[in-house]
C-alpha atoms as a PDB file:
ATOM      1  CA  MET A   1      48.582  89.434   9.125  1.00  0.00           C
ATOM      2  CA  THR A   2      51.637  91.233  10.893  1.00  0.00           C
ATOM      3  CA  GLN A   3      51.672  95.071  10.767  1.00  0.00           C
ATOM      4  CA  GLU A   4      54.109  96.087   8.201  1.00  0.00           C
ATOM      5  CA  LYS A   5      56.937  98.515   9.457  1.00  0.00           C
ATOM      6  CA  ALA A   6      56.299 102.114   8.321  1.00  0.00           C
ATOM      7  CA  LEU A   7      58.785 103.657   5.916  1.00  0.00           C
ATOM      8  CA  LYS A   8      59.779 107.119   7.097  1.00  0.00           C
ATOM      9  CA  ILE A   9      60.092 109.716   4.347  1.00  0.00           C
ATOM     10  CA  ALA A  10      60.882 113.467   4.316  1.00  0.00           C
ATOM     11  CA  ILE A  11      59.489 115.820   1.834  1.00  0.00           C
ATOM     12  CA  ALA A  12      61.188 119.275   1.202  1.00  0.00           C
ATOM     13  CA  THR A  13      58.297 122.042   1.403  1.00  0.00           C
ATOM     14  CA  ASN A  14      57.688 125.489   1.749  1.00  0.00           C
ATOM     15  CA  ASP A  15      53.924 125.250   1.853  1.00  0.00           C
ATOM     16  CA  MET A  16      53.293 121.933   3.581  1.00  0.00           C
ATOM     17  CA  ASP A  17      51.080 121.003   0.660  1.00  0.00           C
ATOM     18  CA  HIS A  18      53.758 120.493  -2.231  1.00  0.00           C
ATOM     19  CA  LEU A  19      57.141 118.907  -2.766  1.00  0.00           C
ATOM     20  CA  ASP A  20      58.547 122.376  -3.802  1.00  0.00           C
ATOM     21  CA  ALA A  21      61.864 123.038  -2.262  1.00  0.00           C
ATOM     22  CA  HIS A  22      65.764 122.551  -2.749  1.00  0.00           C
ATOM     23  CA  PHE A  23      67.458 120.706   0.003  1.00  0.00           C
ATOM     24  CA  GLY A  24      69.679 123.615   1.126  1.00  0.00           C
ATOM     25  CA  SER A  25      67.004 126.305   0.781  1.00  0.00           C
ATOM     26  CA  SER A  26      64.061 124.477   2.166  1.00  0.00           C
ATOM     27  CA  ARG A  27      62.851 125.927   5.660  1.00  0.00           C
ATOM     28  CA  LYS A  28      60.562 122.807   6.313  1.00  0.00           C
ATOM     29  CA  PHE A  29      60.823 119.244   5.891  1.00  0.00           C
ATOM     30  CA  ALA A  30      57.391 117.098   6.386  1.00  0.00           C
ATOM     31  CA  LEU A  31      58.229 113.837   7.711  1.00  0.00           C
ATOM     32  CA  TYR A  32      55.739 111.071   7.108  1.00  0.00           C
ATOM     33  CA  GLU A  33      55.383 107.301   8.011  1.00  0.00           C
ATOM     34  CA  VAL A  34      54.030 105.596   5.017  1.00  0.00           C
ATOM     35  CA  THR A  35      52.773 101.934   4.665  1.00  0.00           C
ATOM     36  CA  PRO A  36      51.109 100.418   1.501  1.00  0.00           C
ATOM     37  CA  ASP A  37      47.699 101.626   2.784  1.00  0.00           C
ATOM     38  CA  THR A  38      48.309 104.421   5.238  1.00  0.00           C
ATOM     39  CA  ALA A  39      50.407 107.658   5.562  1.00  0.00           C
ATOM     40  CA  ARG A  40      50.633 109.922   8.694  1.00  0.00           C
ATOM     41  CA  LEU A  41      52.441 113.151   9.197  1.00  0.00           C
ATOM     42  CA  VAL A  42      54.667 112.614  12.303  1.00  0.00           C
ATOM     43  CA  GLU A  43      56.730 115.591  12.376  1.00  0.00           C
ATOM     44  CA  VAL A  44      57.582 119.017  10.710  1.00  0.00           C
ATOM     45  CA  LEU A  45      61.211 120.010  10.924  1.00  0.00           C
ATOM     46  CA  GLU A  46      61.639 123.894  10.446  1.00  0.00           C
ATOM     47  CA  PHE A  47      64.923 125.699   9.891  1.00  0.00           C
ATOM     48  CA  ASP A  48      65.468 129.460  10.216  1.00  0.00           C
ATOM     49  CA  SER A  49      68.594 129.373   8.117  1.00  0.00           C
ATOM     50  CA  ALA A  50      68.585 128.038   4.728  1.00  0.00           C
ATOM     51  CA  THR A  51      71.024 128.536   1.823  1.00  0.00           C
ATOM     52  CA  ASP A  52      69.696 130.589  -1.252  1.00  0.00           C
ATOM     53  CA  GLN A  53      68.265 128.637  -4.112  1.00  0.00           C
ATOM     54  CA  THR A  54      71.543 128.483  -5.994  1.00  0.00           C
ATOM     55  CA  GLY A  55      72.920 126.375  -3.329  1.00  0.00           C
ATOM     56  CA  ARG A  56      75.732 128.745  -2.333  1.00  0.00           C
ATOM     57  CA  HIS A  57      76.458 129.105   1.434  1.00  0.00           C
ATOM     58  CA  ASP A  58      79.050 130.225   3.663  1.00  0.00           C
ATOM     59  CA  PRO A  59      81.342 127.216   4.606  1.00  0.00           C
ATOM     60  CA  GLN A  60      81.931 128.979   7.995  1.00  0.00           C
ATOM     61  CA  ASP A  61      78.118 128.628   8.779  1.00  0.00           C
ATOM     62  CA  ASP A  62      77.364 124.924   8.005  1.00  0.00           C
ATOM     63  CA  ARG A  63      73.611 124.895   7.463  1.00  0.00           C
ATOM     64  CA  ILE A  64      73.655 121.342   5.934  1.00  0.00           C
ATOM     65  CA  THR A  65      74.740 119.202   8.705  1.00  0.00           C
ATOM     66  CA  PRO A  66      72.042 120.217  11.287  1.00  0.00           C
ATOM     67  CA  LYS A  67      69.404 119.210   8.430  1.00  0.00           C
ATOM     68  CA  VAL A  68      70.990 115.913   7.769  1.00  0.00           C
ATOM     69  CA  GLU A  69      71.124 115.146  11.561  1.00  0.00           C
ATOM     70  CA  ALA A  70      67.503 116.161  11.890  1.00  0.00           C
ATOM     71  CA  LEU A  71      66.465 113.556   9.125  1.00  0.00           C
ATOM     72  CA  THR A  72      68.147 110.692  10.750  1.00  0.00           C
ATOM     73  CA  GLY A  73      65.986 107.677  10.675  1.00  0.00           C
ATOM     74  CA  CYS A  74      64.217 108.621   7.202  1.00  0.00           C
ATOM     75  CA  ALA A  75      64.799 106.176   4.338  1.00  0.00           C
ATOM     76  CA  LEU A  76      63.833 108.546   1.569  1.00  0.00           C
ATOM     77  CA  LEU A  77      64.266 112.340   1.080  1.00  0.00           C
ATOM     78  CA  PHE A  78      62.313 114.026  -1.777  1.00  0.00           C
ATOM     79  CA  VAL A  79      63.682 117.320  -2.941  1.00  0.00           C
ATOM     80  CA  LEU A  80      63.707 119.409  -6.187  1.00  0.00           C
ATOM     81  CA  ALA A  81      67.453 119.731  -5.953  1.00  0.00           C
ATOM     82  CA  ILE A  82      70.435 118.814  -3.865  1.00  0.00           C
ATOM     83  CA  GLY A  83      74.011 119.609  -4.394  1.00  0.00           C
ATOM     84  CA  GLY A  84      76.795 116.985  -4.610  1.00  0.00           C
ATOM     85  CA  PRO A  85      78.234 117.649  -1.127  1.00  0.00           C
ATOM     86  CA  SER A  86      74.999 117.746   0.570  1.00  0.00           C
ATOM     87  CA  ALA A  87      73.856 114.650  -1.251  1.00  0.00           C
ATOM     88  CA  ALA A  88      76.826 112.818  -0.090  1.00  0.00           C
ATOM     89  CA  LYS A  89      76.203 113.911   3.562  1.00  0.00           C
ATOM     90  CA  VAL A  90      72.617 112.493   3.216  1.00  0.00           C
ATOM     91  CA  VAL A  91      73.646 109.180   1.705  1.00  0.00           C
ATOM     92  CA  ARG A  92      76.129 108.697   4.375  1.00  0.00           C
ATOM     93  CA  ALA A  93      73.384 109.261   6.938  1.00  0.00           C
ATOM     94  CA  GLY A  94      71.554 106.324   5.116  1.00  0.00           C
ATOM     95  CA  ILE A  95      68.893 108.363   3.482  1.00  0.00           C
ATOM     96  CA  HIS A  96      68.281 107.989  -0.191  1.00  0.00           C
ATOM     97  CA  PRO A  97      67.887 111.378  -1.790  1.00  0.00           C
ATOM     98  CA  ILE A  98      65.271 111.526  -4.600  1.00  0.00           C
ATOM     99  CA  LYS A  99      65.194 114.514  -6.906  1.00  0.00           C
ATOM    100  CA  ARG A 100      62.180 115.670  -8.697  1.00  0.00           C
ATOM    101  CA  LYS A 101      62.229 117.842 -11.800  1.00  0.00           C
ATOM    102  CA  ASP A 102      59.061 119.823 -10.949  1.00  0.00           C
ATOM    103  CA  PRO A 103      57.097 120.640  -7.885  1.00  0.00           C
ATOM    104  CA  GLU A 104      54.110 118.217  -6.996  1.00  0.00           C
ATOM    105  CA  PRO A 105      51.524 117.755  -4.256  1.00  0.00           C
ATOM    106  CA  ILE A 106      52.815 115.921  -1.216  1.00  0.00           C
ATOM    107  CA  ALA A 107      49.849 113.472  -1.515  1.00  0.00           C
ATOM    108  CA  GLU A 108      51.001 112.445  -5.063  1.00  0.00           C
ATOM    109  CA  VAL A 109      54.458 111.832  -3.688  1.00  0.00           C
ATOM    110  CA  ILE A 110      52.872 109.591  -0.794  1.00  0.00           C
ATOM    111  CA  ALA A 111      50.755 107.919  -3.361  1.00  0.00           C
ATOM    112  CA  GLN A 112      53.785 107.070  -5.478  1.00  0.00           C
ATOM    113  CA  VAL A 113      55.638 105.616  -2.442  1.00  0.00           C
ATOM    114  CA  GLN A 114      52.659 103.572  -1.500  1.00  0.00           C
ATOM    115  CA  THR A 115      52.303 102.145  -5.057  1.00  0.00           C
ATOM    116  CA  MET A 116      56.096 101.047  -4.682  1.00  0.00           C
ATOM    117  CA  LEU A 117      55.553  99.617  -1.355  1.00  0.00           C
ATOM    118  CA  LYS A 118      52.657  97.454  -2.671  1.00  0.00           C
ATOM    119  CA  GLY A 119      54.874  96.270  -5.519  1.00  0.00           C
ATOM    120  CA  SER A 120      58.496  95.108  -5.176  1.00  0.00           C
ATOM    121  CA  PRO A 121      60.526  97.842  -3.490  1.00  0.00           C
ATOM    122  CA  PRO A 122      64.459  98.063  -4.232  1.00  0.00           C
ATOM    123  CA  PRO A 123      66.647  95.923  -2.164  1.00  0.00           C
ATOM    124  CA  PHE A 124      67.681  98.714   0.152  1.00  0.00           C
ATOM    125  CA  LEU A 125      64.075  99.594   1.116  1.00  0.00           C
ATOM    126  CA  ARG A 126      63.304  95.963   1.691  1.00  0.00           C
ATOM    127  CA  LYS A 127      66.080  95.787   4.034  1.00  0.00           C
ATOM    128  CA  VAL A 128      64.835  98.988   5.945  1.00  0.00           C
ATOM    129  CA  LEU A 129      61.311  97.504   5.919  1.00  0.00           C
ATOM    130  CA  GLY A 130      62.700  94.176   7.277  1.00  0.00           C
ATOM    131  CA  ARG A 131      61.086  92.241   4.262  1.00  0.00           C
ATOM    132  CA  PRO A 132      62.759  89.016   3.031  1.00  0.00           C
ATOM    133  CA  ALA A 133      64.120  89.112  -0.477  1.00  0.00           C
ATOM    134  CA  PRO A 134      61.824  87.712  -2.879  1.00  0.00           C
ATOM    135  CA  ASP A 135      62.261  84.003  -3.890  1.00  0.00           C
ATOM    136  CA  PHE A 136      61.991  84.102  -7.471  1.00  0.00           C
ATOM    137  CA  ALA A 137      62.829  80.288  -7.641  1.00  0.00           C
ATOM    138  CA  SER A 138      59.438  79.752  -5.877  1.00  0.00           C
ATOM    139  CA  ASP A 139      57.580  81.143  -8.876  1.00  0.00           C
ATOM    140  CA  TYR A 140      58.851  78.208 -10.975  1.00  0.00           C
ATOM    141  CA  ALA A 141      59.003  75.470  -8.223  1.00  0.00           C
ATOM    142  CA  ASP A 142      55.988  73.529 -10.024  1.00  0.00           C
ATOM    143  CA  GLU A 143      57.530  73.566 -13.341  1.00  0.00           C
ATOM    144  CA  VAL A 144      58.949  70.380 -14.584  1.00  0.00           C
ATOM    145  CA  ILE A 145      62.310  70.312 -16.147  1.00  0.00           C
ATOM    146  CA  GLU A 146      63.140  67.386 -18.510  1.00  0.00           C
END
């Protein structure tokens, strides 16, 4: 069996144990490579400057672009919140932001990603993973149509 390509994800965190930060105010992003059966922490990105939790920041002092650039190569970004302009920059960088309503353990986020990888991931993730599109016609190949 060939080794499946790992999906690189980023999780906004303040304590390295939970998804518990907004994009702009997060001082850390935990980057993981996740497969259906494994997950490993590959890098922790740390930022000295962050916007406040309201998302307001000084337009002269762009703190968002360096974060987006540092996340290059990630397919998914898990955050508690992300503003429209930041989300647009993230999406333009090829990263799919996923907002969560409440903080949750990083281990649970990873488990959810692994469950999704074991099933049928959305088309954009199949492309990232190098998986072919499912051939639904083959499911019915043995049926006789009269």
